[in-house]
């Protein structure tokens, strides 16, 4: 009977998986060795197990074969177009590198560093550049200050206008309140003139007898007592 077809999928049984790995690893290493000997080929083989263990084979040394592989993959092909493109890219990279270094050097000079190698002309040029930068910075500063002053002036005018509106509104409310008080006073005086009880009393020339009642005791006025006394005297004399 022939062997059954092996299904290419992960072996779930750990022991079977380890046995299969060992057998096929040894077979693969043997095939690589045979290929290098029979065909005079440079062969390199790297195998990592599931636990991270390394197994390798190199007919000329694994590192040497890997370095040769890198040179083959990352070295441009030997044709004129590729060489010209590489030279152009290299020149552009060098120009960018030089510009970057020049900018860094200029920045250090502006900060007052590494001024020793500069001669008199370089120092004068640097001074002019710094003066120009300071002048532009001052101009920009004045523009910003003037703009802020203009904004503050506009805000001041708006606040004054609002203040004037509030003041006018307050004066109008005061006039309205004063008019209401005037109408109220006028209406009160008219009501007092129409009420006879509120009219001032004129003297009659006659004194009104007043009595004072305290509790249940009746105290007649002085004139009434005299009159009653005189009446009583006449009555007693009559008798």
Protein backbone atom coordinates (compact mmCIF):
# COMPACT_ATOMS: atom_id res chain seq x y z
CA UNK A 1 0.00 0.00 0.00
CA UNK A 2 1.20 3.50 -0.79
CA UNK A 3 1.53 6.34 1.68
CA UNK A 4 -1.45 8.57 2.12
CA UNK A 5 -1.37 12.21 1.10
CA UNK A 6 -0.16 14.45 3.92
CA UNK A 7 -2.36 17.41 4.68
CA UNK A 8 -0.29 20.60 4.92
CA UNK A 9 -1.55 22.12 8.12
CA UNK A 10 -0.27 22.64 11.63
CA UNK A 11 0.12 19.45 13.64
CA UNK A 12 -1.85 19.87 16.85
CA UNK A 13 -0.12 17.06 18.77
CA UNK A 14 3.01 18.54 20.31
CA UNK A 15 5.04 15.30 20.28
CA UNK A 16 4.17 14.49 16.68
CA UNK A 17 4.97 18.07 15.69
CA UNK A 18 8.41 17.88 17.31
CA UNK A 19 9.21 14.54 15.69
CA UNK A 20 8.15 15.79 12.27
CA UNK A 21 10.24 18.95 12.72
CA UNK A 22 13.37 16.95 13.58
CA UNK A 23 12.98 14.58 10.63
CA UNK A 24 12.26 17.25 8.02
CA UNK A 25 14.97 19.56 9.40
CA UNK A 26 17.61 16.89 9.02
CA UNK A 27 16.36 16.06 5.56
CA UNK A 28 16.43 19.69 4.52
CA UNK A 29 19.99 20.17 5.83
CA UNK A 30 21.10 17.01 4.00
CA UNK A 31 19.55 18.25 0.73
CA UNK A 32 21.28 21.63 1.10
CA UNK A 33 24.64 19.91 1.65
CA UNK A 34 24.12 17.63 -1.34
CA UNK A 35 23.16 20.61 -3.54
CA UNK A 36 26.30 22.52 -2.58
CA UNK A 37 28.59 19.52 -3.23
CA UNK A 38 27.03 18.15 -6.39
CA UNK A 39 26.35 21.46 -8.15
CA UNK A 40 29.19 23.53 -6.65
CA UNK A 41 26.61 26.06 -5.44
CA UNK A 42 26.84 28.46 -2.54
CA UNK A 43 24.04 27.48 -0.21
CA UNK A 44 22.99 29.02 3.10
CA UNK A 45 20.14 27.70 5.20
CA UNK A 46 18.61 29.21 8.36
CA UNK A 47 15.98 27.43 10.44
CA UNK A 48 14.32 28.70 13.64
CA UNK A 49 12.28 26.30 15.72
CA UNK A 50 9.02 27.21 17.46
CA UNK A 51 11.04 27.77 20.63
CA UNK A 52 13.41 30.16 18.86
CA UNK A 53 16.39 27.81 18.50
CA UNK A 54 18.58 28.42 15.44
CA UNK A 55 19.79 25.77 13.00
CA UNK A 56 21.99 26.89 10.12
CA UNK A 57 24.08 25.57 7.26
CA UNK A 58 26.41 27.47 4.94
CA UNK A 59 28.64 26.00 2.31
CA UNK A 60 30.85 29.12 2.33
CA UNK A 61 29.80 30.49 5.69
CA UNK A 62 26.40 31.84 6.54
CA UNK A 63 27.56 35.43 7.18
CA UNK A 64 29.50 35.57 3.91
CA UNK A 65 26.51 34.31 1.95
CA UNK A 66 24.17 36.82 3.65
CA UNK A 67 26.57 39.71 2.89
CA UNK A 68 26.74 38.61 -0.73
CA UNK A 69 22.94 38.52 -0.82
CA UNK A 70 22.75 42.09 0.54
CA UNK A 71 25.22 43.38 -2.04
CA UNK A 72 23.28 41.72 -4.81
CA UNK A 73 19.92 43.07 -3.68
CA UNK A 74 20.88 46.65 -2.76
CA UNK A 75 23.57 47.37 -5.38
CA UNK A 76 22.15 49.06 -8.53
CA UNK A 77 22.44 47.28 -11.81
CA UNK A 78 25.40 48.10 -14.03
CA UNK A 79 23.79 50.27 -16.67
CA UNK A 80 24.29 53.88 -17.63
CA UNK A 81 20.78 55.09 -16.66
CA UNK A 82 21.00 53.65 -13.18
CA UNK A 83 24.49 54.99 -12.62
CA UNK A 84 23.50 58.50 -13.73
CA UNK A 85 20.45 58.42 -11.49
CA UNK A 86 22.54 57.26 -8.57
CA UNK A 87 25.11 59.99 -9.19
CA UNK A 88 22.35 62.61 -9.39
CA UNK A 89 20.80 61.44 -6.16
CA UNK A 90 24.18 61.36 -4.47
CA UNK A 91 24.97 64.91 -5.61
CA UNK A 92 21.57 66.12 -4.39
CA UNK A 93 22.10 64.48 -1.02
CA UNK A 94 25.52 66.10 -0.70
CA UNK A 95 24.11 69.53 -1.61
CA UNK A 96 21.36 69.18 0.96
CA UNK A 97 23.86 68.10 3.56
CA UNK A 98 26.08 71.09 2.82
CA UNK A 99 23.11 73.48 3.00
CA UNK A 100 22.04 71.97 6.31
CA UNK A 101 25.53 72.38 7.77
CA UNK A 102 25.69 75.98 6.50
CA UNK A 103 22.36 76.81 8.12
CA UNK A 104 23.49 75.29 11.40
CA UNK A 105 26.71 77.31 11.26
CA UNK A 106 24.77 80.53 10.54
CA UNK A 107 22.43 79.82 13.44
CA UNK A 108 25.37 79.39 15.79
CA UNK A 109 26.85 82.67 14.52
CA UNK A 110 23.57 84.51 15.09
CA UNK A 111 23.57 83.18 18.64
CA UNK A 112 27.10 84.52 19.18
CA UNK A 113 28.81 81.12 19.10
CA UNK A 114 31.84 79.90 17.10
CA UNK A 115 32.87 83.43 16.07
CA UNK A 116 36.60 82.66 16.28
CA UNK A 117 37.13 81.44 12.69
CA UNK A 118 35.35 84.49 11.21
CA UNK A 119 37.41 87.34 9.78
CA UNK A 120 36.59 91.05 9.82
CA UNK A 121 34.47 90.98 6.66
CA UNK A 122 32.45 88.02 7.91
CA UNK A 123 31.85 89.76 11.22
CA UNK A 124 30.74 92.96 9.46
CA UNK A 125 28.37 90.96 7.25
CA UNK A 126 27.00 89.17 10.30
CA UNK A 127 26.50 92.51 12.06
CA UNK A 128 24.58 93.88 9.08
CA UNK A 129 22.36 90.81 9.00
CA UNK A 130 21.67 91.09 12.72
CA UNK A 131 20.90 94.83 12.40
CA UNK A 132 18.53 94.14 9.53
CA UNK A 133 16.80 91.42 11.52
CA UNK A 134 16.50 93.73 14.56
CA UNK A 135 15.07 96.51 12.38
CA UNK A 136 12.46 94.18 10.88
CA UNK A 137 11.59 92.86 14.32
CA UNK A 138 11.11 96.42 15.63
CA UNK A 139 8.96 97.35 12.66
CA UNK A 140 6.79 94.32 13.22
CA UNK A 141 6.61 95.17 16.92
CA UNK A 142 5.47 98.74 16.16
CA UNK A 143 2.85 97.45 13.72
CA UNK A 144 1.47 95.13 16.37
CA UNK A 145 1.46 97.91 18.99
CA UNK A 146 -0.34 100.30 16.63
CA UNK A 147 -2.88 97.61 15.80
CA UNK A 148 -3.46 96.98 19.50
CA UNK A 149 -3.86 100.72 20.14
CA UNK A 150 -6.36 100.96 17.30
CA UNK A 151 -8.34 98.05 18.70
CA UNK A 152 -8.31 99.64 22.15
CA UNK A 153 -9.49 102.96 20.70
CA UNK A 154 -12.38 101.22 18.94
CA UNK A 155 -13.28 99.45 22.15
CA UNK A 156 -13.13 102.75 24.05
CA UNK A 157 -15.49 104.39 21.55
CA UNK A 158 -17.91 101.48 21.84
CA UNK A 159 -17.84 101.69 25.64
CA UNK A 160 -18.41 105.46 25.56
CA UNK A 161 -21.35 104.98 23.23
CA UNK A 162 -22.84 102.33 25.50
CA UNK A 163 -22.26 104.59 28.50
CA UNK A 164 -24.04 107.45 26.76
CA UNK A 165 -26.96 105.18 25.89
CA UNK A 166 -27.25 104.00 29.48
CA UNK A 167 -27.02 107.58 30.74
CA UNK A 168 -29.79 108.70 28.36
CA UNK A 169 -31.94 105.79 29.43
CA UNK A 170 -31.39 106.62 33.09
CA UNK A 171 -32.32 110.29 32.55
CA UNK A 172 -35.45 109.24 30.69
CA UNK A 173 -36.46 106.96 33.56
CA UNK A 174 -35.87 109.78 36.07
CA UNK A 175 -38.06 112.16 34.03
CA UNK A 176 -40.75 109.52 33.85
CA UNK A 177 -40.61 108.96 37.61
CA UNK A 178 -40.74 112.73 38.25
CA UNK A 179 -43.78 113.07 35.99
CA UNK A 180 -45.52 110.28 37.89
CA UNK A 181 -44.77 112.01 41.22
CA UNK A 182 -46.11 115.32 39.86
CA UNK A 183 -49.33 113.65 38.71
CA UNK A 184 -49.67 111.95 42.07
CA UNK A 185 -49.23 115.22 43.98
CA UNK A 186 -51.70 117.02 41.70
CA UNK A 187 -54.33 114.31 42.17
CA UNK A 188 -53.91 114.39 45.96
CA UNK A 189 -54.43 118.19 46.14
CA UNK A 190 -57.60 117.95 44.00
CA UNK A 191 -59.04 115.28 46.28
CA UNK A 192 -58.39 117.39 49.38
CA UNK A 193 -60.13 120.43 47.89
CA UNK A 194 -63.27 118.41 47.07
CA UNK A 195 -63.55 116.81 50.52
CA UNK A 196 -65.52 119.09 52.94
CA UNK A 197 -64.02 117.34 55.91
CA UNK A 198 -60.57 118.41 54.78
CA UNK A 199 -61.60 122.13 54.58
CA UNK A 200 -60.17 124.36 57.32
CA UNK A 201 -62.77 125.24 60.01
CA UNK A 202 -63.59 128.88 60.75
CA UNK A 203 -63.96 130.07 64.35
CA UNK A 204 -67.64 130.50 65.45
CA UNK A 205 -66.95 132.80 68.38
CA UNK A 206 -68.47 130.17 70.64
CA UNK A 207 -66.52 127.79 72.80
CA UNK A 208 -67.60 124.22 72.57
CA UNK A 209 -68.08 122.41 75.79
CA UNK A 210 -65.77 119.47 76.10
CA UNK A 211 -66.19 116.53 78.36
CA UNK A 212 -63.69 113.96 79.49
CA UNK A 213 -64.93 110.46 80.14
CA UNK A 214 -62.72 108.17 82.17
CA UNK A 215 -64.21 104.78 82.76
CA UNK A 216 -67.87 105.15 83.79
CA UNK A 217 -67.39 108.52 85.52
CA UNK A 218 -68.87 111.55 83.85
CA UNK A 219 -67.01 114.77 84.45
CA UNK A 220 -68.89 117.81 83.12
CA UNK A 221 -67.14 120.86 81.87
CA UNK A 222 -66.53 123.86 84.11
CA UNK A 223 -69.31 126.01 82.60
CA UNK A 224 -71.85 123.26 83.02
CA UNK A 225 -70.93 122.85 86.68
CA UNK A 226 -71.43 126.60 87.33
CA UNK A 227 -74.74 126.60 85.53
CA UNK A 228 -75.94 123.60 87.45
CA UNK A 229 -74.81 125.16 90.71
CA UNK A 230 -76.70 128.34 89.99
CA UNK A 231 -79.81 126.39 89.09
CA UNK A 232 -79.54 124.40 92.24
CA UNK A 233 -79.20 127.53 94.34
CA UNK A 234 -82.26 129.06 92.82
CA UNK A 235 -84.17 125.89 93.43
CA UNK A 236 -83.12 125.70 97.03
CA UNK A 237 -84.01 129.37 97.52
CA UNK A 238 -87.37 128.77 96.07
CA UNK A 239 -87.99 126.02 98.42
